[in-house]
Structure formats: structure tokens, C-alpha cells
N, C-alpha and C. Protein backbone atom coordinates (compact mmCIF):
# COMPACT_ATOMS: atom_id res chain seq x y z
N LYS A 1 0.55 -1.10 -0.02
CA LYS A 1 -0.13 -0.06 -0.03
C LYS A 1 0.90 1.23 -0.24
N PRO A 2 0.91 2.04 -0.80
CA PRO A 2 1.32 3.73 -0.87
C PRO A 2 1.37 4.24 0.17
N SER A 3 2.26 4.98 0.70
CA SER A 3 2.21 6.13 1.84
C SER A 3 2.95 6.91 1.60
N SER A 4 3.25 7.94 2.50
CA SER A 4 4.01 9.05 2.55
C SER A 4 4.73 9.30 3.33
N ILE A 5 5.33 10.68 2.80
CA ILE A 5 6.49 11.21 4.00
C ILE A 5 5.90 12.75 4.39
N LEU A 6 5.80 12.55 5.58
CA LEU A 6 5.17 13.86 6.05
C LEU A 6 6.33 14.99 6.95
N TYR A 7 6.20 16.09 6.66
CA TYR A 7 6.61 17.23 6.95
C TYR A 7 5.96 18.41 7.98
N SER A 8 5.58 18.20 8.85
CA SER A 8 4.55 19.70 9.22
C SER A 8 5.13 20.50 10.60
N TYR A 9 4.54 21.26 10.70
CA TYR A 9 4.53 22.83 11.66
C TYR A 9 3.35 21.76 12.54
N PRO A 10 3.38 21.76 13.64
CA PRO A 10 2.56 21.11 14.71
C PRO A 10 1.28 22.09 15.15
N LYS A 11 1.63 23.44 14.71
CA LYS A 11 0.37 24.28 15.53
C LYS A 11 -0.22 24.20 14.43
N TYR A 12 -0.58 23.62 13.20
CA TYR A 12 -1.30 24.12 12.22
C TYR A 12 -2.20 22.82 12.34
N ILE A 13 -3.68 23.22 11.92
CA ILE A 13 -4.58 22.28 11.57
C ILE A 13 -4.59 21.92 9.76
N HIS A 14 -4.17 20.70 9.60
CA HIS A 14 -3.94 20.49 8.11
C HIS A 14 -5.19 20.43 7.07
N SER A 15 -5.29 20.77 6.09
CA SER A 15 -6.68 20.86 5.01
C SER A 15 -5.73 20.89 3.81
N GLN A 16 -6.69 20.80 2.69
CA GLN A 16 -6.18 20.60 1.46
C GLN A 16 -6.13 22.35 0.82
N LYS A 17 -6.97 22.98 1.28
CA LYS A 17 -6.70 24.51 1.30
C LYS A 17 -5.23 25.20 0.82
N ASN A 18 -5.35 25.68 -0.08
CA ASN A 18 -3.52 26.52 -0.11
C ASN A 18 -2.57 25.65 -0.42
N THR A 19 -3.00 24.31 -1.22
CA THR A 19 -2.06 22.91 -1.27
C THR A 19 -1.80 23.08 -2.79
N VAL A 20 -0.56 22.70 -3.31
CA VAL A 20 0.10 22.65 -4.15
C VAL A 20 0.42 21.30 -4.26
N PHE A 21 0.21 20.55 -5.83
CA PHE A 21 1.24 19.68 -6.54
C PHE A 21 2.34 19.74 -6.38
N VAL A 22 3.51 18.93 -6.36
CA VAL A 22 4.78 18.85 -6.78
C VAL A 22 4.92 17.67 -7.40
N GLY A 23 5.54 17.57 -8.87
CA GLY A 23 6.07 16.88 -9.88
C GLY A 23 7.57 17.17 -9.70
N ALA A 24 8.08 15.97 -10.46
CA ALA A 24 9.64 15.63 -10.92
C ALA A 24 10.63 15.59 -9.92
N LEU A 25 10.11 15.52 -8.56
CA LEU A 25 10.64 15.26 -7.41
C LEU A 25 12.01 14.68 -7.09
N HIS A 26 13.43 14.98 -6.68
CA HIS A 26 14.53 13.82 -6.74
C HIS A 26 14.24 13.11 -5.91
N GLY A 27 14.90 11.36 -6.01
CA GLY A 27 14.61 10.69 -4.93
C GLY A 27 15.11 10.72 -3.47
N ARG A 28 16.02 11.90 -3.46
CA ARG A 28 16.80 12.20 -2.44
C ARG A 28 16.46 13.11 -1.54
N ILE A 29 15.54 13.61 -2.01
CA ILE A 29 14.93 15.12 -1.44
C ILE A 29 14.00 14.59 0.00
N HIS A 30 14.54 15.27 0.99
CA HIS A 30 13.63 15.25 2.10
C HIS A 30 12.36 15.98 2.10
N ALA A 31 11.40 15.89 2.73
CA ALA A 31 10.31 16.82 2.79
C ALA A 31 10.60 17.78 3.81
N LYS A 32 11.42 17.84 4.83
CA LYS A 32 11.92 18.97 5.40
C LYS A 32 13.00 19.76 4.59
N ALA A 33 13.25 19.47 4.10
CA ALA A 33 14.32 20.10 3.30
C ALA A 33 13.85 20.94 2.21
N LEU A 34 12.60 20.06 1.29
CA LEU A 34 11.20 20.71 0.54
C LEU A 34 10.76 22.30 1.19
N ALA A 35 10.57 21.61 2.65
CA ALA A 35 9.50 22.71 3.27
C ALA A 35 10.58 24.08 3.41
N TYR A 36 11.91 23.98 3.79
CA TYR A 36 12.63 25.14 4.00
C TYR A 36 12.60 25.79 2.49
N ILE A 37 13.09 24.72 1.28
CA ILE A 37 13.19 25.66 -0.15
C ILE A 37 11.50 26.55 -0.25
N PHE A 38 10.82 25.56 -0.34
CA PHE A 38 9.52 26.31 -0.15
C PHE A 38 9.24 27.68 0.50
N ALA A 39 9.31 27.62 1.87
CA ALA A 39 9.04 28.47 2.93
C ALA A 39 9.95 29.81 2.17
N ASP A 40 11.18 29.44 2.14
CA ASP A 40 12.27 30.45 1.55
C ASP A 40 11.78 31.32 -0.03
N LEU A 41 11.26 30.89 -0.85
CA LEU A 41 10.80 30.88 -2.00
C LEU A 41 9.27 31.63 -1.49
N PHE A 42 8.26 31.23 -1.08
CA PHE A 42 7.10 31.44 -1.38
C PHE A 42 6.70 32.30 0.37
N GLY A 43 7.39 31.73 1.12
CA GLY A 43 6.69 31.96 2.31
C GLY A 43 5.64 30.79 3.11
N ASP A 44 5.48 30.94 4.50
CA ASP A 44 4.24 30.12 5.26
C ASP A 44 3.72 28.83 5.01
N VAL A 45 5.04 27.91 4.61
CA VAL A 45 4.65 26.33 4.41
C VAL A 45 4.24 25.68 5.79
N VAL A 46 3.22 25.28 6.06
CA VAL A 46 2.67 24.67 6.95
C VAL A 46 3.04 23.09 6.83
N SER A 47 2.69 22.31 5.99
CA SER A 47 3.23 20.84 6.17
C SER A 47 3.53 20.56 4.40
N VAL A 48 4.50 19.17 4.53
CA VAL A 48 4.71 19.16 2.81
C VAL A 48 4.84 17.26 3.30
N THR A 49 4.28 16.95 2.33
CA THR A 49 4.04 15.06 1.86
C THR A 49 4.74 15.22 0.52
N ILE A 50 5.42 14.12 0.82
CA ILE A 50 6.43 13.31 -0.38
C ILE A 50 5.69 12.02 -0.40
N ASP A 51 4.88 11.52 -1.79
CA ASP A 51 4.26 9.92 -1.92
C ASP A 51 5.49 9.01 -2.03
N THR A 52 5.21 8.22 -1.23
CA THR A 52 6.18 6.82 -1.60
C THR A 52 5.33 5.87 -2.01
N ASP A 53 6.13 4.66 -2.90
CA ASP A 53 5.37 3.44 -2.89
C ASP A 53 5.18 2.53 -2.43
N GLU A 54 4.77 1.16 -2.57
CA GLU A 54 4.43 0.33 -1.20
C GLU A 54 5.68 -0.21 -0.44
N HIS A 55 7.09 0.10 -0.80
CA HIS A 55 8.32 -0.31 -0.53
C HIS A 55 9.21 0.90 0.06
N GLU A 56 7.93 2.12 -0.10
CA GLU A 56 8.47 3.13 1.13
C GLU A 56 9.72 4.07 0.58
N TYR A 57 9.64 4.04 -1.33
CA TYR A 57 10.43 4.57 -1.79
C TYR A 57 9.80 5.67 -2.44
N PRO A 58 10.22 6.93 -2.06
CA PRO A 58 9.86 7.94 -3.13
C PRO A 58 9.24 8.29 -4.77
N THR A 59 8.10 8.61 -4.81
CA THR A 59 7.66 7.95 -6.19
C THR A 59 7.90 9.53 -7.11
N GLY A 60 8.60 10.60 -6.64
CA GLY A 60 8.72 11.78 -7.10
C GLY A 60 7.75 12.83 -6.87
N THR A 61 6.86 12.58 -6.54
CA THR A 61 5.38 13.66 -6.50
C THR A 61 5.08 13.84 -4.89
N GLY A 62 4.40 14.69 -4.54
CA GLY A 62 4.22 15.19 -2.86
C GLY A 62 2.98 16.39 -3.23
N ARG A 63 3.52 17.03 -1.92
CA ARG A 63 1.75 17.93 -1.91
C ARG A 63 3.01 18.89 -1.04
N VAL A 64 2.29 20.33 -0.90
CA VAL A 64 3.29 21.56 -0.04
C VAL A 64 1.82 22.02 0.16
N THR A 65 1.57 22.50 1.35
CA THR A 65 0.34 23.11 1.87
C THR A 65 0.88 24.51 2.77
N PHE A 66 0.58 25.76 2.09
CA PHE A 66 0.51 26.80 2.58
C PHE A 66 -0.36 27.57 3.56
N GLY A 67 0.25 27.97 4.73
CA GLY A 67 -0.50 28.55 5.69
C GLY A 67 -1.85 30.24 5.19
N ASN A 68 -1.27 30.68 3.97
CA ASN A 68 -2.09 31.96 3.63
C ASN A 68 -2.10 31.61 2.11
N GLN A 69 -3.12 32.08 1.40
CA GLN A 69 -2.95 32.10 -0.12
C GLN A 69 -2.29 32.88 -0.84
N ASN A 70 -1.98 33.78 -0.22
CA ASN A 70 -0.65 34.89 -1.03
C ASN A 70 0.42 33.94 -1.19
N SER A 71 0.91 33.15 -0.34
CA SER A 71 2.06 32.37 -0.79
C SER A 71 1.65 31.03 -1.70
N PHE A 72 0.58 30.55 -1.48
CA PHE A 72 0.37 29.39 -2.29
C PHE A 72 0.19 30.14 -3.92
N ARG A 73 -0.45 31.12 -3.98
CA ARG A 73 -0.71 31.60 -5.40
C ARG A 73 0.43 31.89 -6.15
N ASN A 74 1.73 32.61 -5.17
CA ASN A 74 2.79 32.70 -5.48
C ASN A 74 3.83 31.64 -6.24
N ALA A 75 3.29 30.65 -5.76
CA ALA A 75 3.88 29.69 -6.36
C ALA A 75 2.90 28.79 -7.51
N ILE A 76 2.19 29.13 -7.39
CA ILE A 76 1.03 28.81 -8.82
C ILE A 76 1.61 29.46 -10.10
N ILE A 77 2.02 30.88 -9.77
CA ILE A 77 2.38 31.52 -10.80
C ILE A 77 4.02 31.07 -11.10
N ALA A 78 4.70 30.49 -10.16
CA ALA A 78 6.41 30.20 -10.38
C ALA A 78 5.94 28.70 -11.41
N ASN A 79 5.17 28.27 -11.23
CA ASN A 79 4.90 26.73 -12.09
C ASN A 79 5.97 25.50 -12.34
N PHE A 80 7.30 26.48 -12.17
CA PHE A 80 8.30 25.35 -11.90
C PHE A 80 9.52 25.96 -11.23
N ILE A 81 10.25 25.67 -9.98
CA ILE A 81 11.32 25.75 -9.55
C ILE A 81 12.81 25.16 -9.75
N GLN A 82 13.88 25.80 -9.81
CA GLN A 82 15.02 25.10 -10.11
C GLN A 82 15.77 24.60 -8.76
N ILE A 83 15.95 23.77 -8.37
CA ILE A 83 16.73 23.02 -7.25
C ILE A 83 18.09 22.62 -7.41
N GLN A 84 19.07 23.30 -6.70
CA GLN A 84 20.58 23.27 -7.34
C GLN A 84 21.02 22.89 -5.67
N SER A 85 21.87 22.03 -5.88
CA SER A 85 22.59 22.09 -4.29
C SER A 85 23.80 20.80 -4.78
N LYS A 86 24.75 20.30 -3.80
CA LYS A 86 26.19 19.69 -4.39
C LYS A 86 25.30 18.28 -4.84
N LYS A 87 24.51 17.90 -4.17
CA LYS A 87 23.54 16.94 -4.83
C LYS A 87 22.50 16.66 -5.40
N VAL A 88 22.18 17.48 -5.51
CA VAL A 88 20.89 17.51 -6.61
C VAL A 88 20.50 18.57 -7.22
N SER A 89 20.34 18.54 -8.40
CA SER A 89 20.26 19.45 -9.37
C SER A 89 19.04 19.04 -10.24
N LYS A 90 17.63 19.74 -9.95
CA LYS A 90 16.15 19.31 -10.36
C LYS A 90 15.14 20.41 -10.54
N ARG A 91 14.31 20.47 -11.90
CA ARG A 91 13.76 21.26 -12.08
C ARG A 91 12.02 20.92 -11.56
N ILE A 92 11.60 21.55 -10.24
CA ILE A 92 10.24 20.76 -9.84
C ILE A 92 8.80 21.64 -10.49
N GLN A 93 8.37 20.49 -10.79
CA GLN A 93 6.34 21.20 -11.27
C GLN A 93 5.85 21.81 -10.23
N ILE A 94 5.28 22.70 -9.90
CA ILE A 94 4.12 22.68 -9.48
C ILE A 94 3.03 23.32 -9.87
N GLU A 95 1.70 22.59 -9.42
CA GLU A 95 0.51 22.92 -9.86
C GLU A 95 -0.75 22.87 -8.58
N PRO A 96 -1.94 23.45 -8.65
CA PRO A 96 -2.95 23.55 -7.44
C PRO A 96 -2.73 22.09 -7.25
N TYR A 97 -3.39 21.48 -6.42
CA TYR A 97 -3.63 20.58 -6.08
C TYR A 97 -5.49 20.83 -5.09
N ILE A 98 -6.32 19.66 -6.33
CA ILE A 98 -7.50 19.55 -6.12
C ILE A 98 -8.26 18.35 -5.78
N ASP A 99 -7.31 17.45 -5.68
CA ASP A 99 -7.96 15.76 -5.12
C ASP A 99 -9.40 15.90 -4.53
N GLY A 100 -10.57 15.56 -5.59
CA GLY A 100 -11.97 15.70 -4.66
C GLY A 100 -12.75 16.66 -4.61
N GLN A 101 -12.19 17.65 -5.05
CA GLN A 101 -12.72 19.34 -4.42
C GLN A 101 -12.74 19.89 -5.61
N SER A 102 -13.46 21.02 -6.13
CA SER A 102 -13.74 21.86 -7.15
C SER A 102 -12.49 22.89 -6.93
N CYS A 103 -11.96 22.88 -8.38
CA CYS A 103 -10.59 24.28 -8.23
C CYS A 103 -11.10 25.66 -7.99
N CYS A 104 -9.79 26.18 -7.18
CA CYS A 104 -10.27 27.86 -6.70
C CYS A 104 -10.07 28.52 -8.49
N SER A 105 -10.00 28.14 -8.51
CA SER A 105 -9.74 29.07 -10.15
C SER A 105 -10.71 28.87 -11.53
N CYS A 106 -10.86 27.87 -11.58
CA CYS A 106 -12.05 27.53 -12.96
C CYS A 106 -12.97 26.78 -12.45
N SER A 107 -13.14 25.99 -10.92
CA SER A 107 -14.35 25.69 -10.46
C SER A 107 -14.80 24.54 -11.29
N GLU A 108 -14.14 23.83 -11.87
CA GLU A 108 -14.27 22.49 -12.50
C GLU A 108 -14.37 21.43 -10.89
N GLU A 109 -15.69 20.75 -11.01
CA GLU A 109 -15.20 19.37 -9.94
C GLU A 109 -14.48 18.66 -10.24
N ASN A 110 -14.12 17.82 -8.79
CA ASN A 110 -13.71 16.85 -9.14
C ASN A 110 -12.09 16.79 -10.26
N VAL A 111 -11.42 17.48 -10.26
CA VAL A 111 -10.33 17.31 -10.67
C VAL A 111 -9.23 16.63 -10.45
N PRO A 112 -8.79 15.41 -10.95
CA PRO A 112 -7.78 14.89 -10.38
C PRO A 112 -6.33 15.31 -10.06
N ASN A 113 -5.80 15.82 -8.77
CA ASN A 113 -4.68 15.98 -8.37
C ASN A 113 -4.17 17.26 -8.67
N PHE A 114 -4.44 17.78 -10.15
CA PHE A 114 -4.16 19.37 -10.34
C PHE A 114 -4.67 19.90 -11.50
N CYS A 115 -4.85 21.16 -11.21
CA CYS A 115 -5.77 21.61 -12.57
C CYS A 115 -5.01 22.45 -13.54
N LYS A 116 -5.10 22.00 -14.50
CA LYS A 116 -4.36 22.91 -15.81
C LYS A 116 -4.73 24.13 -16.06
N ARG A 117 -5.66 24.70 -15.47
CA ARG A 117 -6.20 25.97 -16.19
C ARG A 117 -6.22 27.11 -15.41
N THR A 118 -4.92 27.00 -14.61
CA THR A 118 -4.74 28.32 -13.32
C THR A 118 -3.59 28.76 -14.26
């Protein structure tokens, strides 16, 4: 059964509001590192989830939840970021995450994972 790796700030109650889908993640990136990168670029990250397969190996996708709409929108506008370090160089995809809810931008219902119309 697939699982996920989670990094979150305990004072926040988590919801899918203000959440982005991130794709093309490097298999060696940790949720905590991704949280720091996104907080530095966009501000106010409250949780990061990195999806894993049945063997707990990262699948290259995940979600980042922001504490406010401004940080969320700035991440959506960026659409891609480049992560550079000694061990990792990767272009990361960013899209609105909507799993089972209506899109905040186009109002389409039950769009799977992320909306391309934003």
C-alpha cells in the first residue's frame, strides 16, 4: 500500500486548502528540505508530503500546503522551480492540488490531483 513522508508544523490544522501538487521530485529530497525551500521562495509552509510506493521509496510527487493564499498563489504563478545543491539539481513542477474538490480558479468539480487551467 502506498504511503507518504510528512513534514509539518504541529501548531497548524491541515487541510487541502492552499495546497500545491509538486512533481518531478528527486528521490533523495526530504520533506523537511522541501519545506525550507518552498518557505524561502514563497513563505508560510505548514506541511509537506512526499508520496512513496509500497516499499516506501519516493515516487517523485508530493504536496506542499501553505498557511496563506498569497504564498499559495505565488507558488502557482511560479509553475516551476529549479533546485540546485551539491547532491541535487532538479526542475520541480508546481500545480494547484485539488484531489476530489472543486478548483479555486476554474471551479471544475473533482479534478484529479491538479488543475491545468490556472
